[in-house]
Each structure stands twice: as C-alpha cells, then as structure tokens.
Amino acid sequence: MNYTFVPMSREFASTIINTWKYENEYSIYDYSNEADHMLDEDGWGNGIFAVLNQDGELIGELSIEFFDEQGQYTDYLNFGDETLINQRELWIGFGLRPDLVGKGHGTDFVTACVEFAVENYHYHGEYIRLGVAKFNQRAIKTYNRVGFQEFNQTTGAIAGRMFEVIHMRKSI
C-alpha cells in the first residue's frame, strides 16, 4: 500500500474521533479519548497528520513530538527549527483505521510513518522512539519487526487508566 501524509483537518479528525472504535481491551485507543489532541489545529501539518492510501481514503493518523533532555515538550511552532529539533528526541505515535488492524498492514504502515517523520523534519538524531501499552503484544511484535527495541518500562495513563508502558526505540 502507498501512503500519503497530509495535514490533519477538521473533517479527518472528526471522522477519526467519532467513528474509529477498537474492540475489547484495545478500546483504550479509541480516539474519542484523544479528541483534544486530534483537534489541536496548531498541530495540523506540524506534528499531526492524516494518512491516506493510494485511493485518497483516510486509513491512519500520525502524531510526532519532540522532547528535550528534561522531557519537556517542544511547541509545534518550533518544529520548523531544524537545529532545535535535532537537539531533541523524536517520539512517534500512530493509529491504523480499526477495520485494517490485524490484516497485515502494520509493518508497512509503521515503516512509512517512521520514514516520513525522519525525512519531513530532516531529523538526524540517533533514535526514533515510541510508547506502547505492555498488553498490546500485537503492536509490540510489529514494532520489533520494524526494528524497534525496548529500552524502558514505566507506568502511564491511557484514556484515564494506568497501564504498564514499554518505551521502544529504533536506530536511524
């Protein structure tokens, strides 16, 4: 599948928030829990992207963040400052439309998201990082296949509930 990354829009964000519902324990990833993030217009085209397939259909979302050494978030307004960005850690998050999950698209989708993030920001850091709930073994297997490796475990809140979270990174 070919992927195109475009700035998030109100239409895309509304579709994701209102219709993308995951089953069973994966419901913590429902975007109704992330509405504030998805509707943050400052992030659209800076750190929040809609992912379209070759037919122009919305099939995913990509979120990119940069953190300094103290773990402080870099404001979207500074994402165009290559010197600053390359002094930060690049963290990536993404979601695939629920009806596409478990259909063998994960590896290509994650690879495309990583490549876009690195190329779009001309990022020259050592790693790209992500966080995933420890119970989400299907995602962890996909991330391992793409080259991510665990480097830390912590506890974090997802949809207002506490979970063990694995931090993973991939050399770039």
Protein backbone atom coordinates (compact mmCIF):
# COMPACT_ATOMS: atom_id res chain seq x y z
CA MET A 1 0.00 0.00 0.00
CA ASN A 2 1.20 3.51 -0.78
CA TYR A 3 0.74 6.19 1.87
CA THR A 4 0.33 9.93 1.61
CA PHE A 5 0.76 12.14 4.68
CA VAL A 6 -1.34 15.31 4.74
CA PRO A 7 -2.05 17.85 7.47
CA MET A 8 -4.84 16.74 9.78
CA SER A 9 -8.08 18.60 9.13
CA ARG A 10 -11.34 19.06 10.99
CA GLU A 11 -13.04 16.58 8.64
CA PHE A 12 -10.39 13.89 9.11
CA ALA A 13 -10.15 14.48 12.88
CA SER A 14 -13.93 14.27 13.28
CA THR A 15 -14.05 11.02 11.33
CA ILE A 16 -11.27 9.52 13.46
CA ILE A 17 -12.76 10.71 16.76
CA ASN A 18 -16.35 9.75 16.01
CA THR A 19 -16.03 6.51 14.05
CA TRP A 20 -12.75 4.77 14.83
CA LYS A 21 -13.66 2.31 17.59
CA TYR A 22 -11.36 -0.53 18.60
CA GLU A 23 -12.58 -3.79 20.11
CA ASN A 24 -12.21 -5.16 23.64
CA GLU A 25 -9.11 -4.09 25.59
CA TYR A 26 -7.93 -2.06 22.59
CA SER A 27 -10.82 0.37 23.15
CA ILE A 28 -8.42 2.46 25.25
CA TYR A 29 -7.02 3.55 21.87
CA ASP A 30 -10.38 4.97 20.70
CA TYR A 31 -9.75 8.50 19.50
CA SER A 32 -12.69 9.85 21.45
CA ASN A 33 -10.13 9.66 24.30
CA GLU A 34 -7.73 11.81 22.25
CA ALA A 35 -10.16 14.42 20.90
CA ASP A 36 -8.26 17.40 22.31
CA HIS A 37 -5.05 16.24 20.66
CA MET A 38 -6.66 15.44 17.31
CA LEU A 39 -8.50 18.79 17.23
CA ASP A 40 -5.39 20.86 18.10
CA GLU A 41 -5.21 22.96 14.94
CA ASP A 42 -1.71 24.20 15.84
CA GLY A 43 -0.51 20.64 15.31
CA TRP A 44 -2.18 20.07 11.95
CA GLY A 45 0.64 19.73 9.43
CA ASN A 46 3.23 20.34 12.13
CA GLY A 47 3.00 17.24 14.29
CA ILE A 48 -0.41 15.77 13.47
CA PHE A 49 -1.05 14.18 10.09
CA ALA A 50 -3.78 12.19 8.38
CA VAL A 51 -2.55 9.17 6.43
CA LEU A 52 -4.25 8.38 3.14
CA ASN A 53 -3.98 5.28 0.95
CA GLN A 54 -3.35 5.32 -2.80
CA ASP A 55 -7.09 5.94 -3.38
CA GLY A 56 -7.11 9.00 -1.11
CA GLU A 57 -9.01 7.21 1.67
CA LEU A 58 -8.25 8.04 5.30
CA ILE A 59 -6.57 4.94 6.74
CA GLY A 60 -4.41 6.24 9.59
CA GLU A 61 -3.06 9.07 11.66
CA LEU A 62 0.47 10.04 12.64
CA SER A 63 1.49 12.15 15.62
CA ILE A 64 5.04 13.42 16.07
CA GLU A 65 6.52 15.06 19.16
CA PHE A 66 9.97 16.27 20.16
CA PHE A 67 11.20 16.34 23.76
CA ASP A 68 14.27 17.97 25.30
CA GLU A 69 16.62 16.27 27.79
CA GLN A 70 14.34 17.21 30.69
CA GLY A 71 11.34 15.63 28.97
CA GLN A 72 9.76 18.97 28.11
CA TYR A 73 7.57 19.03 25.02
CA THR A 74 8.66 21.19 22.09
CA ASP A 75 5.93 23.58 20.91
CA TYR A 76 4.60 22.97 17.38
CA LEU A 77 5.67 26.50 16.43
CA ASN A 78 9.30 25.36 16.78
CA PHE A 79 9.01 22.24 14.62
CA GLY A 80 10.46 24.16 11.65
CA ASP A 81 13.70 24.93 13.51
CA GLU A 82 15.96 22.09 12.28
CA THR A 83 18.80 22.95 14.65
CA LEU A 84 16.48 22.86 17.67
CA ILE A 85 14.64 19.72 16.53
CA ASN A 86 17.91 17.86 16.06
CA GLN A 87 18.78 18.57 19.70
CA ARG A 88 15.59 16.79 20.77
CA GLU A 89 14.25 13.23 20.93
CA LEU A 90 11.72 12.37 18.23
CA TRP A 91 8.72 10.40 19.51
CA ILE A 92 6.13 8.98 17.18
CA GLY A 93 2.58 7.75 17.64
CA PHE A 94 0.15 6.43 15.08
CA GLY A 95 -3.08 4.63 14.55
CA LEU A 96 -4.44 2.49 11.79
CA ARG A 97 -8.15 2.53 10.97
CA PRO A 98 -9.76 -0.25 13.07
CA ASP A 99 -11.01 -2.31 10.13
CA LEU A 100 -7.41 -2.53 8.84
CA VAL A 101 -5.88 -3.75 12.11
CA GLY A 102 -4.78 -7.38 12.01
CA LYS A 103 -4.79 -7.51 8.20
CA GLY A 104 -1.01 -7.45 7.68
CA HIS A 105 -0.62 -3.71 7.09
CA GLY A 106 1.21 -2.89 10.33
CA THR A 107 4.82 -3.33 9.26
CA ASP A 108 4.48 -1.28 6.07
CA PHE A 109 2.40 1.38 7.83
CA VAL A 110 4.85 1.82 10.73
CA THR A 111 7.82 1.86 8.33
CA ALA A 112 6.16 4.55 6.20
CA CYS A 113 5.38 6.64 9.31
CA VAL A 114 8.97 6.40 10.57
CA GLU A 115 10.40 7.30 7.16
CA PHE A 116 8.04 10.26 6.80
CA ALA A 117 8.88 11.60 10.27
CA VAL A 118 12.64 11.39 9.73
CA GLU A 119 12.53 12.84 6.21
CA ASN A 120 9.93 15.54 6.88
CA TYR A 121 11.89 17.06 9.76
CA HIS A 122 15.37 16.28 8.38
CA TYR A 123 15.94 14.54 11.69
CA HIS A 124 19.49 13.37 12.35
CA GLY A 125 19.13 12.05 15.89
CA GLU A 126 20.30 8.61 16.88
CA TYR A 127 16.84 7.12 17.51
CA ILE A 128 13.15 7.46 16.90
CA ARG A 129 11.04 6.46 19.92
CA LEU A 130 7.52 5.35 20.80
CA GLY A 131 5.50 4.14 23.75
CA VAL A 132 3.06 1.24 23.80
CA ALA A 133 0.92 -0.42 26.46
CA LYS A 134 2.64 -3.63 27.55
CA PHE A 135 -0.50 -5.72 26.98
CA ASN A 136 -0.55 -4.71 23.29
CA GLN A 137 1.61 -7.60 22.13
CA ARG A 138 0.38 -7.45 18.53
CA ALA A 139 1.71 -3.88 18.22
CA ILE A 140 4.96 -4.76 20.01
CA LYS A 141 5.56 -7.63 17.57
CA THR A 142 5.04 -5.25 14.66
CA TYR A 143 7.40 -2.69 16.16
CA ASN A 144 10.04 -5.38 16.71
CA ARG A 145 9.74 -6.47 13.05
CA VAL A 146 10.37 -2.86 12.00
CA GLY A 147 13.48 -2.67 14.21
CA PHE A 148 12.24 -1.08 17.43
CA GLN A 149 13.70 -2.44 20.67
CA GLU A 150 12.57 -1.97 24.26
CA PHE A 151 14.70 0.44 26.29
CA ASN A 152 12.50 1.35 29.25
CA GLN A 153 9.32 0.41 31.13
CA THR A 154 7.16 2.76 33.11
CA THR A 155 3.60 3.27 34.21
CA GLY A 156 1.45 5.66 32.26
CA ALA A 157 -2.11 6.79 31.82
CA ILE A 158 -4.03 5.86 28.70
CA ALA A 159 -7.63 7.01 28.49
CA GLY A 160 -7.53 7.83 32.20
CA ARG A 161 -6.44 4.33 33.24
CA MET A 162 -2.98 3.30 34.43
CA PHE A 163 -1.02 0.76 32.38
CA GLU A 164 2.47 -0.62 32.19
CA VAL A 165 4.04 1.09 29.20
CA ILE A 166 7.03 -0.04 27.18
CA HIS A 167 9.24 2.59 25.58
CA MET A 168 10.85 1.38 22.39
CA ARG A 169 13.40 2.94 20.06
CA LYS A 170 14.78 2.32 16.60
CA SER A 171 18.18 3.39 15.35
CA ILE A 172 18.01 5.71 12.37
